[in-house]
N, C-alpha and C. Protein backbone atom coordinates (compact mmCIF):
# COMPACT_ATOMS: atom_id res chain seq x y z
N MET A 1 -17.37 -14.82 -15.97
CA MET A 1 -17.72 -14.67 -14.42
C MET A 1 -17.59 -15.83 -14.05
N GLU A 2 -16.83 -15.75 -12.92
CA GLU A 2 -17.07 -16.80 -11.70
C GLU A 2 -18.16 -16.99 -10.87
N THR A 3 -18.76 -17.72 -10.51
CA THR A 3 -20.11 -17.71 -9.43
C THR A 3 -19.69 -18.75 -8.28
N SER A 4 -20.57 -18.56 -7.43
CA SER A 4 -20.56 -19.20 -6.29
C SER A 4 -21.84 -19.13 -5.46
N SER A 5 -22.12 -20.09 -4.46
CA SER A 5 -23.38 -20.17 -3.94
C SER A 5 -23.13 -20.08 -2.71
N LEU A 6 -24.11 -19.27 -1.77
CA LEU A 6 -24.31 -19.04 -0.64
C LEU A 6 -24.63 -20.29 0.41
N THR A 7 -23.87 -20.71 1.53
CA THR A 7 -24.34 -21.78 2.06
C THR A 7 -25.15 -21.49 3.18
N VAL A 8 -26.06 -22.48 3.75
CA VAL A 8 -26.87 -22.09 5.09
C VAL A 8 -26.33 -21.41 6.07
N LYS A 9 -24.99 -21.31 6.47
CA LYS A 9 -24.23 -20.53 7.38
C LYS A 9 -23.75 -18.95 6.74
N GLY A 10 -24.02 -19.00 5.55
CA GLY A 10 -24.00 -17.72 4.62
C GLY A 10 -22.42 -17.66 4.35
N GLN A 11 -21.90 -18.69 4.09
CA GLN A 11 -20.56 -18.81 3.66
C GLN A 11 -20.49 -19.04 2.04
N ILE A 12 -19.32 -18.30 1.54
CA ILE A 12 -19.18 -18.57 -0.03
C ILE A 12 -17.85 -19.14 -0.28
N VAL A 13 -17.45 -19.77 -1.27
CA VAL A 13 -16.21 -20.12 -1.86
C VAL A 13 -15.97 -19.03 -2.76
N VAL A 14 -14.63 -18.48 -2.61
CA VAL A 14 -13.97 -17.86 -3.81
C VAL A 14 -13.51 -18.90 -4.79
N PRO A 15 -13.69 -18.91 -6.03
CA PRO A 15 -13.49 -19.86 -6.72
C PRO A 15 -11.97 -19.69 -6.82
N SER A 16 -11.21 -20.98 -7.38
CA SER A 16 -9.79 -21.45 -7.33
C SER A 16 -8.95 -20.46 -8.23
N LYS A 17 -9.83 -20.01 -9.37
CA LYS A 17 -9.10 -19.55 -10.48
C LYS A 17 -8.78 -17.85 -9.91
N ILE A 18 -9.65 -17.63 -9.03
CA ILE A 18 -9.49 -15.95 -8.32
C ILE A 18 -8.64 -16.21 -7.44
N ARG A 19 -8.56 -17.20 -6.56
CA ARG A 19 -7.86 -17.30 -5.59
C ARG A 19 -6.43 -17.38 -5.99
N ARG A 20 -6.12 -18.25 -7.02
CA ARG A 20 -4.49 -18.29 -7.23
C ARG A 20 -4.19 -16.89 -7.91
N LYS A 21 -5.12 -16.12 -8.84
CA LYS A 21 -4.59 -15.12 -9.27
C LYS A 21 -4.33 -13.90 -8.42
N LEU A 22 -5.26 -13.70 -7.29
CA LEU A 22 -4.81 -13.08 -6.32
C LEU A 22 -3.87 -13.06 -5.16
N GLY A 23 -3.53 -14.55 -5.09
CA GLY A 23 -2.64 -15.15 -4.06
C GLY A 23 -3.28 -15.31 -2.62
N LEU A 24 -4.50 -15.70 -2.69
CA LEU A 24 -5.57 -15.73 -1.77
C LEU A 24 -5.07 -17.50 -1.21
N LYS A 25 -4.93 -17.59 0.26
CA LYS A 25 -4.48 -18.51 0.92
C LYS A 25 -5.37 -18.65 2.02
N LYS A 26 -5.31 -20.02 2.62
CA LYS A 26 -6.21 -20.25 4.24
C LYS A 26 -5.78 -19.09 4.99
N GLY A 27 -7.00 -18.35 5.66
CA GLY A 27 -6.66 -17.54 6.83
C GLY A 27 -6.38 -16.15 5.97
N SER A 28 -6.53 -15.89 4.61
CA SER A 28 -6.33 -14.60 4.07
C SER A 28 -7.30 -13.79 4.63
N LYS A 29 -7.41 -12.49 4.77
CA LYS A 29 -8.52 -11.70 4.92
C LYS A 29 -8.84 -11.01 4.04
N ILE A 30 -10.61 -10.74 3.96
CA ILE A 30 -11.01 -9.96 2.64
C ILE A 30 -12.01 -9.31 3.42
N GLY A 31 -12.29 -8.00 2.89
CA GLY A 31 -13.27 -6.75 3.22
C GLY A 31 -14.32 -7.11 2.41
N PHE A 32 -15.25 -6.83 3.01
CA PHE A 32 -16.65 -6.53 2.10
C PHE A 32 -17.07 -5.37 2.30
N ILE A 33 -17.28 -4.54 0.91
CA ILE A 33 -17.84 -3.28 0.55
C ILE A 33 -18.87 -3.19 -0.05
N GLU A 34 -19.96 -2.39 0.44
CA GLU A 34 -21.22 -2.54 -0.07
C GLU A 34 -21.05 -0.92 -0.93
N LEU A 35 -21.66 -1.37 -2.13
CA LEU A 35 -21.54 0.08 -3.13
C LEU A 35 -22.86 -0.03 -3.49
N GLY A 36 -23.82 0.53 -3.06
CA GLY A 36 -25.44 0.61 -3.20
C GLY A 36 -25.84 -0.99 -3.11
N ASP A 37 -26.46 -1.44 -4.26
CA ASP A 37 -26.82 -2.87 -4.12
C ASP A 37 -26.01 -3.88 -4.56
N LYS A 38 -24.56 -3.66 -4.62
CA LYS A 38 -23.55 -4.55 -4.97
C LYS A 38 -22.46 -4.75 -3.71
N ILE A 39 -21.87 -6.01 -3.81
CA ILE A 39 -21.07 -6.22 -2.66
C ILE A 39 -19.69 -6.29 -3.64
N VAL A 40 -18.47 -5.65 -3.19
CA VAL A 40 -17.21 -5.90 -3.75
C VAL A 40 -16.26 -6.51 -2.73
N LEU A 41 -15.76 -7.69 -3.01
CA LEU A 41 -14.75 -8.43 -2.22
C LEU A 41 -13.30 -7.87 -2.15
N GLN A 42 -12.70 -7.45 -1.26
CA GLN A 42 -11.16 -6.77 -1.42
C GLN A 42 -10.18 -7.51 -0.41
N PRO A 43 -9.22 -8.12 -1.20
CA PRO A 43 -8.42 -8.68 -0.24
C PRO A 43 -7.63 -7.58 0.66
N LEU A 44 -7.57 -7.85 2.06
CA LEU A 44 -6.87 -6.95 2.86
C LEU A 44 -5.33 -7.45 2.97
N ASP A 45 -4.44 -7.21 2.08
CA ASP A 45 -3.03 -7.49 1.93
C ASP A 45 -2.45 -6.16 1.94
N LYS A 46 -0.98 -6.26 2.06
CA LYS A 46 -0.22 -5.14 2.33
C LYS A 46 -0.44 -3.84 1.14
N SER A 47 -0.62 -4.52 0.07
CA SER A 47 -0.78 -3.53 -1.12
C SER A 47 -2.09 -2.67 -0.94
N TYR A 48 -2.97 -3.55 -0.43
CA TYR A 48 -4.47 -2.49 0.16
C TYR A 48 -4.14 -1.51 1.10
N TYR A 49 -3.28 -2.00 2.15
CA TYR A 49 -2.96 -0.91 3.13
C TYR A 49 -2.46 0.37 2.89
N LYS A 50 -1.51 -0.24 2.02
CA LYS A 50 -0.43 0.83 1.46
C LYS A 50 -1.06 1.94 0.51
N SER A 51 -2.09 1.40 -0.28
CA SER A 51 -3.22 2.52 -1.01
C SER A 51 -3.91 3.21 -0.33
N LEU A 52 -4.04 3.09 1.13
CA LEU A 52 -4.77 4.03 2.20
C LEU A 52 -3.86 5.14 2.55
N ILE A 53 -2.48 4.95 2.43
CA ILE A 53 -1.35 6.17 2.78
C ILE A 53 -1.80 7.37 2.31
N GLY A 54 -2.22 8.20 3.07
CA GLY A 54 -2.43 9.66 2.65
C GLY A 54 -4.01 9.83 2.32
N ILE A 55 -5.02 9.04 2.69
CA ILE A 55 -6.33 9.32 2.48
C ILE A 55 -6.65 10.30 3.31
N GLY A 56 -6.30 10.58 4.64
CA GLY A 56 -6.52 11.42 5.54
C GLY A 56 -6.35 12.90 5.14
N GLY A 57 -5.41 13.05 4.24
CA GLY A 57 -5.25 14.43 3.80
C GLY A 57 -4.38 15.35 4.79
N THR A 58 -3.37 14.55 5.45
CA THR A 58 -2.57 15.16 6.52
C THR A 58 -1.23 15.57 5.58
N LYS A 59 -1.17 14.94 4.59
CA LYS A 59 0.21 15.36 3.77
C LYS A 59 1.28 14.62 4.87
N GLY A 60 1.27 13.44 5.47
CA GLY A 60 2.27 13.19 6.22
C GLY A 60 2.19 13.79 7.60
N LYS A 61 1.81 14.98 7.86
CA LYS A 61 2.03 15.31 9.40
C LYS A 61 1.58 14.50 10.39
N ALA A 62 0.48 13.72 10.23
CA ALA A 62 0.09 12.58 11.51
C ALA A 62 1.47 11.74 11.56
N LEU A 63 1.81 11.23 10.65
CA LEU A 63 2.90 10.42 10.72
C LEU A 63 3.97 10.79 11.24
N ARG A 64 4.49 12.10 11.19
CA ARG A 64 5.68 12.86 11.54
C ARG A 64 5.54 13.02 12.94
N SER A 65 4.28 13.52 13.31
CA SER A 65 4.03 13.40 14.58
C SER A 65 4.00 12.75 15.34
N LEU A 66 3.46 11.42 14.82
CA LEU A 66 3.63 9.98 15.68
C LEU A 66 4.89 9.74 15.80
N ARG A 67 6.10 9.94 15.06
CA ARG A 67 7.26 9.43 15.02
C ARG A 67 8.04 10.42 16.07
N GLU A 68 7.64 11.59 16.07
CA GLU A 68 8.37 12.63 16.94
C GLU A 68 7.78 12.25 18.48
N ASP A 69 6.27 11.87 18.65
CA ASP A 69 6.36 11.30 20.02
C ASP A 69 7.03 10.37 20.14
N LYS A 70 7.06 9.26 19.39
CA LYS A 70 7.95 8.13 19.86
C LYS A 70 9.00 8.16 20.05
N LYS A 71 9.81 9.32 19.55
CA LYS A 71 10.89 9.33 19.77
C LYS A 71 11.13 10.22 21.08
N LYS A 72 10.39 11.06 21.63
CA LYS A 72 10.49 11.59 22.96
C LYS A 72 10.31 10.56 23.81
N GLU A 73 9.47 9.53 23.62
CA GLU A 73 9.08 8.53 24.72
C GLU A 73 10.23 7.71 24.89
N ARG A 74 11.26 7.40 23.63
CA ARG A 74 12.25 6.75 23.66
C ARG A 74 13.32 7.32 24.97
N GLU A 75 13.38 8.84 24.61
CA GLU A 75 14.48 9.69 25.53
C GLU A 75 13.85 9.66 26.75
N LEU A 76 12.92 9.35 27.34
CA LEU A 76 12.47 9.32 28.82
C LEU A 76 12.93 8.27 29.30
């Protein structure tokens, strides 16, 4: 297990071993997820956003609707 300390400003340093493994670089976005009394740090990269596709339960209907609306806008 890697560890880090909280600074006076509330900042933490992600250990270099983990940064390299996850491909985190300066400016990478990280989400904080609360799970009860735990905190999970989640890199907010393309694979994370792709994993969210379909969680709305619309089975692609929302995306199709947006595409149709966009197509109609272009025709105007």
